[in-house]
Amino acid sequence: MKLKDRLGKHPVLIITTICVICVAVIAGFTAHIELQRYEDGILDVCATQQDAYVQLVLDQINLKDNRNDEQIIKEILETMDASSNHYWTFSKDQSMLFVKDITETNKYKGVTASTYYMSDSAKEFIDGLIQNKVAHKTININDNDYIASGVLFEYKNEPYRLCLLTQRGALLDNNSYLGVKTQMTTLFVVLLLIIVLVPMLMAYYIRHMLFKMDVQKDTIDTVNRRLSKINQKLMESDLHDTRNNLWKQKAIIPFLEKITKREIYPVTFIHIKCRNIESRVKFIERAVYILDKHVLRFEYGACDIVLIAVNITTFIKIDEKRAMDKINILVDDNSSVENIQLVNNEADISKLKDRYKQSKAV
């Protein structure tokens, strides 16, 4: 089965629906990527600010060179804000010294830094820290994503690592950002609905109009067929309408023979003599309005006319005088009545045939 047959008649709605769905999917995917890039940009700005905060704490640690580990923790790190989404880590060589607060520190006391930074991303971050240069990266700890800013530094010839971790969701859950994100999402959804619904509604309307046009076309075709039949009948009627036809001279005798055979009486035979062709044309034109369809017109000679009226009871009855009155209305200075004869039987027909015997063939 061809695709056109499967889609049915006027598949504009189906095709439009498929197209707008594809466009909507592409637009949604593109919007998702752009929104992700927007979030990444916001996180990068926050991470840069977080790097500056870590650098500030590092500068405070380096202000005095005679502190021990406990003093650094109590005088500096414990004074920093901390929560479940935002906290500090402090390690010496491979040992954890401080995590968030004293409770978490006791939890990880005696373990190595690699025990806390278990994920590949966290290990890669902590092992890749550069001395005295703050860096940041997104890492995963206990199935949570964090924006980590950290630095490797030496204090009293001992290597230390200072890190500030902020949960990724905490940055993105900011009220201002959420408001903007909600507005952008709402705007995108509205635009997406417009992209999907408007073409589909237009396609539905076009499809409806196409079906309506089909109905109109069928109606027009039906009317045209009927008009053609009517025109054909009119043409056939005109073809046999004696008022619009002038038969040849050779048809006179055969017509009289048919009258004899069928015994169609009375018949009025009239011979009109015309001066020229133009006179005959004018006579025929006038005869259209005066003579009815029962009167046949024939050419005779160069420019004459023969009129044969069959079964006429209202036009010429049997009174030749009344017949002449009718004919006199038609004739003018360029035409005259040469002969008029009322035919009531076969003998009368024979006389006419003898007089006008020059026409024998049909």
Protein backbone atom coordinates (compact mmCIF):
# COMPACT_ATOMS: atom_id res chain seq x y z
CA MET A 1 0.00 0.00 0.00
CA LYS A 2 1.29 3.42 -0.92
CA LEU A 3 2.07 5.98 1.77
CA LYS A 4 -0.58 8.32 0.33
CA ASP A 5 -3.22 5.60 0.71
CA ARG A 6 -2.15 4.95 4.30
CA LEU A 7 -2.34 8.62 5.22
CA GLY A 8 -5.83 8.93 3.72
CA LYS A 9 -7.36 11.86 1.95
CA HIS A 10 -5.94 15.30 2.77
CA PRO A 11 -3.31 14.13 5.35
CA VAL A 12 -2.31 17.71 6.15
CA LEU A 13 -3.28 17.28 9.84
CA ILE A 14 -1.27 14.07 10.25
CA ILE A 15 1.78 15.50 8.49
CA THR A 16 1.56 18.76 10.44
CA THR A 17 1.20 16.88 13.75
CA ILE A 18 4.27 14.77 13.03
CA CYS A 19 6.26 17.86 12.02
CA VAL A 20 5.26 19.98 15.02
CA ILE A 21 5.98 17.08 17.41
CA CYS A 22 9.45 16.73 15.88
CA VAL A 23 9.99 20.49 16.13
CA ALA A 24 8.71 20.46 19.73
CA VAL A 25 11.09 17.63 20.67
CA ILE A 26 14.03 19.44 19.06
CA ALA A 27 13.02 22.73 20.69
CA GLY A 28 12.61 21.03 24.09
CA PHE A 29 15.99 19.34 23.80
CA THR A 30 17.61 22.61 22.73
CA ALA A 31 15.95 24.47 25.61
CA HIS A 32 17.12 21.83 28.07
CA ILE A 33 20.69 22.18 26.83
CA GLU A 34 20.51 25.98 27.00
CA LEU A 35 19.04 25.86 30.51
CA GLN A 36 21.80 23.47 31.56
CA ARG A 37 24.38 25.86 30.15
CA TYR A 38 22.68 28.70 32.00
CA GLU A 39 22.88 26.72 35.27
CA ASP A 40 26.50 25.84 34.59
CA GLY A 41 27.23 29.53 34.08
CA ILE A 42 25.58 30.42 37.40
CA LEU A 43 27.48 27.63 39.17
CA ASP A 44 30.73 28.80 37.63
CA VAL A 45 30.12 32.32 38.94
CA CYS A 46 29.32 30.92 42.41
CA ALA A 47 32.37 28.66 42.30
CA THR A 48 34.59 31.63 41.43
CA GLN A 49 33.20 33.54 44.41
CA GLN A 50 33.74 30.44 46.54
CA ASP A 51 37.37 30.28 45.36
CA ALA A 52 37.86 33.81 46.58
CA TYR A 53 36.42 32.84 49.98
CA VAL A 54 38.86 29.90 50.26
CA GLN A 55 41.74 32.19 49.29
CA LEU A 56 40.70 34.62 52.03
CA VAL A 57 40.75 31.83 54.67
CA LEU A 58 44.12 30.64 53.39
CA ASP A 59 45.46 34.18 53.78
CA GLN A 60 44.20 34.26 57.38
CA ILE A 61 45.95 30.96 58.12
CA ASN A 62 49.20 32.28 56.68
CA LEU A 63 49.07 35.47 58.77
CA LYS A 64 50.67 33.57 61.64
CA ASP A 65 53.26 30.91 61.19
CA ASN A 66 53.25 29.52 64.72
CA ARG A 67 49.76 27.95 64.96
CA ASN A 68 49.24 24.25 65.43
CA ASP A 69 46.46 22.22 63.85
CA GLU A 70 44.04 22.69 66.75
CA GLN A 71 44.52 26.44 66.75
CA ILE A 72 43.86 26.67 63.03
CA ILE A 73 40.65 24.68 63.46
CA LYS A 74 39.34 26.52 66.53
CA GLU A 75 40.46 30.06 65.69
CA ILE A 76 39.58 30.01 62.02
CA LEU A 77 37.62 27.06 60.62
CA GLU A 78 35.15 26.64 63.48
CA THR A 79 34.17 30.29 63.15
CA MET A 80 33.07 29.76 59.56
CA ASP A 81 29.43 29.17 58.67
CA ALA A 82 28.58 25.54 58.04
CA SER A 83 25.48 23.54 57.31
CA SER A 84 24.41 20.30 55.67
CA ASN A 85 24.79 22.00 52.28
CA HIS A 86 27.86 24.13 52.90
CA TYR A 87 30.90 23.09 54.90
CA TRP A 88 34.67 22.98 55.16
CA THR A 89 37.20 20.12 55.09
CA PHE A 90 40.76 20.37 56.35
CA SER A 91 43.34 17.61 55.96
CA LYS A 92 47.04 17.23 56.67
CA ASP A 93 48.91 15.07 54.30
CA GLN A 94 46.47 12.09 54.07
CA SER A 95 44.73 12.55 57.45
CA MET A 96 41.40 14.31 57.96
CA LEU A 97 41.66 17.04 60.58
CA PHE A 98 38.32 18.84 60.25
CA VAL A 99 35.04 18.17 58.47
CA LYS A 100 32.25 20.69 58.81
CA ASP A 101 32.29 20.79 62.62
CA ILE A 102 33.77 18.92 65.60
CA THR A 103 31.10 16.20 65.38
CA GLU A 104 31.96 15.33 61.82
CA THR A 105 35.67 15.62 62.64
CA ASN A 106 35.37 12.97 65.34
CA LYS A 107 33.53 10.77 62.85
CA TYR A 108 36.43 10.87 60.38
CA LYS A 109 39.27 11.15 62.90
CA GLY A 110 41.96 8.63 62.26
CA VAL A 111 40.96 7.97 58.65
CA THR A 112 42.71 9.10 55.52
CA ALA A 113 41.43 11.79 53.20
CA SER A 114 40.82 9.15 50.54
CA THR A 115 38.26 7.52 52.84
CA TYR A 116 36.18 10.70 52.82
CA TYR A 117 36.79 11.52 49.15
CA MET A 118 35.77 8.07 47.92
CA SER A 119 34.29 8.85 44.51
CA ASP A 120 36.47 9.07 41.42
CA SER A 121 35.59 12.72 40.87
CA ALA A 122 36.41 13.62 44.49
CA LYS A 123 39.71 11.71 44.43
CA GLU A 124 40.68 13.31 41.14
CA PHE A 125 39.91 16.74 42.57
CA ILE A 126 41.74 16.33 45.87
CA ASP A 127 44.79 14.73 44.24
CA GLY A 128 44.94 17.38 41.54
CA LEU A 129 45.06 20.43 43.81
CA ILE A 130 47.88 22.84 43.00
CA GLN A 131 49.93 24.46 45.73
CA ASN A 132 48.78 27.97 46.67
CA LYS A 133 46.33 28.09 43.75
CA VAL A 134 42.64 27.74 44.49
CA ALA A 135 40.69 25.57 42.04
CA HIS A 136 37.12 24.36 41.85
CA LYS A 137 35.28 21.38 40.42
CA THR A 138 31.96 19.54 40.71
CA ILE A 139 32.44 16.34 42.72
CA ASN A 140 30.22 13.60 44.15
CA ILE A 141 30.24 12.60 47.82
CA ASN A 142 27.70 10.14 49.25
CA ASP A 143 25.57 10.46 46.09
CA ASN A 144 25.38 14.24 46.41
CA ASP A 145 26.90 16.70 43.96
CA TYR A 146 29.04 19.46 45.43
CA ILE A 147 30.84 22.48 44.07
CA ALA A 148 34.24 22.05 45.68
CA SER A 149 36.82 24.81 45.94
CA GLY A 150 40.19 23.74 47.34
CA VAL A 151 43.84 24.58 47.67
CA LEU A 152 47.05 22.75 48.56
CA PHE A 153 49.42 24.75 50.81
CA GLU A 154 52.39 24.23 53.10
CA TYR A 155 52.38 25.34 56.70
CA LYS A 156 55.45 24.70 58.84
CA ASN A 157 56.78 22.56 56.00
CA GLU A 158 53.75 20.28 56.21
CA PRO A 159 51.30 19.80 53.29
CA TYR A 160 47.69 20.79 54.04
CA ARG A 161 44.54 20.73 51.94
CA LEU A 162 41.72 23.20 52.61
CA CYS A 163 38.39 22.72 50.82
CA LEU A 164 35.00 24.41 50.87
CA LEU A 165 32.11 22.26 49.62
CA THR A 166 28.72 23.64 48.67
CA GLN A 167 25.92 21.31 47.58
CA ARG A 168 25.00 22.00 43.98
CA GLY A 169 21.28 22.06 44.69
CA ALA A 170 21.72 24.67 47.42
CA LEU A 171 23.07 27.14 44.87
CA LEU A 172 20.34 26.39 42.35
CA ASP A 173 17.58 26.54 44.97
CA ASN A 174 18.19 30.23 45.51
CA ASN A 175 14.83 32.04 45.52
CA SER A 176 15.86 34.58 42.88
CA TYR A 177 17.21 31.93 40.57
CA LEU A 178 14.20 29.70 41.08
CA GLY A 179 11.92 32.63 40.24
CA VAL A 180 13.79 33.32 37.01
CA LYS A 181 13.95 29.61 36.17
CA THR A 182 10.22 29.22 36.78
CA GLN A 183 9.47 32.22 34.57
CA MET A 184 11.74 30.92 31.82
CA THR A 185 10.23 27.43 32.04
CA THR A 186 6.70 28.81 31.99
CA LEU A 187 7.51 31.04 29.01
CA PHE A 188 9.09 28.12 27.18
CA VAL A 189 6.12 25.84 27.88
CA VAL A 190 3.71 28.52 26.63
CA LEU A 191 5.79 29.08 23.47
CA LEU A 192 6.01 25.33 22.95
CA LEU A 193 2.24 24.99 23.25
CA ILE A 194 1.81 27.81 20.74
CA ILE A 195 4.28 26.13 18.37
CA VAL A 196 2.37 22.84 18.66
CA LEU A 197 -1.24 23.97 18.88
CA VAL A 198 -1.35 26.83 16.36
CA PRO A 199 -0.07 24.78 13.38
CA MET A 200 -2.31 21.87 14.36
CA LEU A 201 -5.37 24.13 14.58
CA MET A 202 -4.47 25.70 11.25
CA ALA A 203 -3.96 22.25 9.73
CA TYR A 204 -7.32 21.13 11.10
CA TYR A 205 -8.98 24.22 9.63
CA ILE A 206 -7.25 23.69 6.26
CA ARG A 207 -8.26 20.01 6.26
CA HIS A 208 -11.84 20.98 7.07
CA MET A 209 -11.81 23.52 4.22
CA LEU A 210 -10.34 20.94 1.82
CA PHE A 211 -13.15 18.50 2.60
CA LYS A 212 -15.63 21.33 2.21
CA MET A 213 -14.07 22.20 -1.15
CA ASP A 214 -14.37 18.53 -2.15
CA VAL A 215 -18.08 18.65 -1.39
CA GLN A 216 -18.41 21.88 -3.36
CA LYS A 217 -16.40 20.38 -6.21
CA ASP A 218 -18.65 17.32 -6.27
CA THR A 219 -21.68 19.62 -6.27
CA ILE A 220 -20.22 21.71 -9.09
CA ASP A 221 -19.37 18.56 -11.06
CA THR A 222 -22.92 17.30 -10.59
CA VAL A 223 -24.35 20.64 -11.71
CA ASN A 224 -21.97 20.73 -14.68
CA ARG A 225 -23.01 17.23 -15.72
CA ARG A 226 -26.65 18.20 -15.49
CA LEU A 227 -25.99 21.39 -17.44
CA SER A 228 -24.13 19.38 -20.07
CA LYS A 229 -27.10 17.06 -20.43
CA ILE A 230 -29.47 20.03 -20.64
CA ASN A 231 -27.21 21.74 -23.21
CA GLN A 232 -27.04 18.52 -25.19
CA LYS A 233 -30.80 18.24 -25.17
CA LEU A 234 -31.11 21.89 -26.16
CA MET A 235 -28.62 21.37 -28.97
CA GLU A 236 -30.54 18.33 -30.16
CA SER A 237 -33.75 20.31 -29.87
CA ASP A 238 -32.24 23.18 -31.83
CA LEU A 239 -30.96 20.75 -34.42
CA HIS A 240 -34.48 19.52 -35.09
CA ASP A 241 -36.23 22.83 -34.52
CA THR A 242 -37.74 23.90 -37.85
CA ARG A 243 -37.50 27.55 -36.87
CA ASN A 244 -33.69 27.36 -36.76
CA ASN A 245 -33.07 25.11 -39.75
CA LEU A 246 -33.18 25.58 -43.53
CA TRP A 247 -33.17 22.25 -45.35
CA LYS A 248 -31.71 21.70 -48.80
CA GLN A 249 -33.82 21.58 -51.96
CA LYS A 250 -33.11 17.88 -52.46
CA ALA A 251 -35.04 17.08 -49.28
CA ILE A 252 -38.41 18.41 -50.63
CA ILE A 253 -39.48 15.37 -52.69
CA PRO A 254 -38.42 12.78 -50.08
CA PHE A 255 -40.33 14.73 -47.46
CA LEU A 256 -43.46 14.78 -49.66
CA GLU A 257 -43.09 11.02 -50.19
CA LYS A 258 -43.01 10.46 -46.44
CA ILE A 259 -46.15 12.55 -46.06
CA THR A 260 -47.84 10.33 -48.69
CA LYS A 261 -46.68 7.18 -46.94
CA ARG A 262 -47.88 8.27 -43.52
CA GLU A 263 -51.01 10.03 -44.86
CA ILE A 264 -50.36 13.17 -42.90
CA TYR A 265 -52.95 15.65 -44.10
CA PRO A 266 -53.65 18.54 -44.56
CA VAL A 267 -50.35 19.96 -45.78
CA THR A 268 -49.86 23.50 -47.04
CA PHE A 269 -47.19 23.95 -49.69
CA ILE A 270 -45.94 27.50 -50.33
CA HIS A 271 -43.28 28.59 -52.82
CA ILE A 272 -41.72 32.01 -52.02
CA LYS A 273 -39.70 33.69 -54.77
CA CYS A 274 -36.87 35.92 -53.54
CA ARG A 275 -34.88 38.44 -55.53
CA ASN A 276 -31.49 37.35 -54.13
CA ILE A 277 -29.80 35.49 -51.30
CA GLU A 278 -30.01 38.53 -48.99
CA SER A 279 -33.78 38.66 -49.53
CA ARG A 280 -34.07 34.97 -48.59
CA VAL A 281 -32.03 35.50 -45.43
CA LYS A 282 -34.23 38.41 -44.33
CA PHE A 283 -37.36 36.39 -45.05
CA ILE A 284 -36.10 33.49 -42.92
CA GLU A 285 -35.21 35.89 -40.11
CA ARG A 286 -38.74 37.31 -40.10
CA ALA A 287 -40.28 33.84 -40.35
CA VAL A 288 -38.70 32.85 -37.05
CA TYR A 289 -41.07 35.21 -35.22
CA ILE A 290 -44.22 34.53 -37.27
CA LEU A 291 -44.11 30.86 -38.32
CA ASP A 292 -44.14 28.11 -35.68
CA LYS A 293 -42.19 24.84 -35.48
CA HIS A 294 -44.75 22.99 -37.63
CA VAL A 295 -43.62 24.91 -40.73
CA LEU A 296 -40.54 23.48 -42.46
CA ARG A 297 -38.24 25.71 -44.52
CA PHE A 298 -36.47 24.46 -47.65
CA GLU A 299 -34.10 26.06 -50.13
CA TYR A 300 -35.32 26.13 -53.70
CA GLY A 301 -33.38 27.19 -56.73
CA ALA A 302 -30.76 29.92 -56.39
CA CYS A 303 -32.51 32.02 -53.80
CA ASP A 304 -36.15 30.85 -53.40
CA ILE A 305 -37.82 29.26 -50.38
CA VAL A 306 -40.38 26.46 -50.02
CA LEU A 307 -42.52 26.33 -46.89
CA ILE A 308 -44.34 23.12 -45.99
CA ALA A 309 -46.81 23.37 -43.07
CA VAL A 310 -47.92 19.98 -41.72
CA ASN A 311 -51.23 19.44 -39.90
CA ILE A 312 -51.72 23.14 -39.29
CA THR A 313 -55.16 23.96 -37.91
CA THR A 314 -54.46 27.21 -36.17
CA PHE A 315 -52.03 28.75 -38.62
CA ILE A 316 -53.55 28.00 -41.99
CA LYS A 317 -56.54 25.64 -41.57
CA ILE A 318 -58.02 24.90 -45.00
CA ASP A 319 -58.57 28.52 -46.02
CA GLU A 320 -56.05 29.61 -48.65
CA LYS A 321 -57.07 33.24 -48.19
CA ARG A 322 -56.09 33.17 -44.52
CA ALA A 323 -52.84 31.47 -45.47
CA MET A 324 -52.08 34.29 -47.89
CA ASP A 325 -52.74 36.85 -45.14
CA LYS A 326 -50.07 35.20 -42.98
CA ILE A 327 -47.57 34.99 -45.82
CA ASN A 328 -48.18 38.61 -46.85
CA ILE A 329 -46.87 39.67 -43.46
CA LEU A 330 -43.55 38.03 -44.31
CA VAL A 331 -43.06 39.10 -47.90
CA ASP A 332 -41.73 42.50 -48.89
CA ASP A 333 -40.61 44.25 -52.09
CA ASN A 334 -37.79 41.73 -52.56
CA SER A 335 -39.94 38.60 -52.15
CA SER A 336 -43.30 37.31 -53.42
CA VAL A 337 -45.55 34.24 -53.30
CA GLU A 338 -44.94 32.14 -56.40
CA ASN A 339 -47.28 29.29 -55.51
CA ILE A 340 -49.46 28.23 -52.59
CA GLN A 341 -51.33 24.93 -52.56
CA LEU A 342 -53.29 23.02 -49.95
CA VAL A 343 -52.62 19.27 -50.07
CA ASN A 344 -55.37 16.97 -48.82
CA ASN A 345 -54.59 13.69 -50.55
CA GLU A 346 -52.03 11.67 -52.49
CA ALA A 347 -53.14 13.16 -55.79
CA ASP A 348 -52.23 16.63 -54.63
CA ILE A 349 -48.83 15.31 -53.53
CA SER A 350 -48.27 13.79 -56.99
CA LYS A 351 -48.97 17.12 -58.66
CA LEU A 352 -46.39 18.83 -56.46
CA LYS A 353 -43.84 16.12 -57.16
CA ASP A 354 -44.37 16.54 -60.89
CA ARG A 355 -43.91 20.27 -60.66
CA TYR A 356 -40.87 20.15 -58.41
CA LYS A 357 -39.38 16.92 -59.73
CA GLN A 358 -35.90 18.41 -60.08
CA SER A 359 -35.17 17.38 -56.48
CA LYS A 360 -35.16 13.60 -55.98
CA ALA A 361 -32.27 12.61 -53.76
CA VAL A 362 -32.35 12.84 -49.98
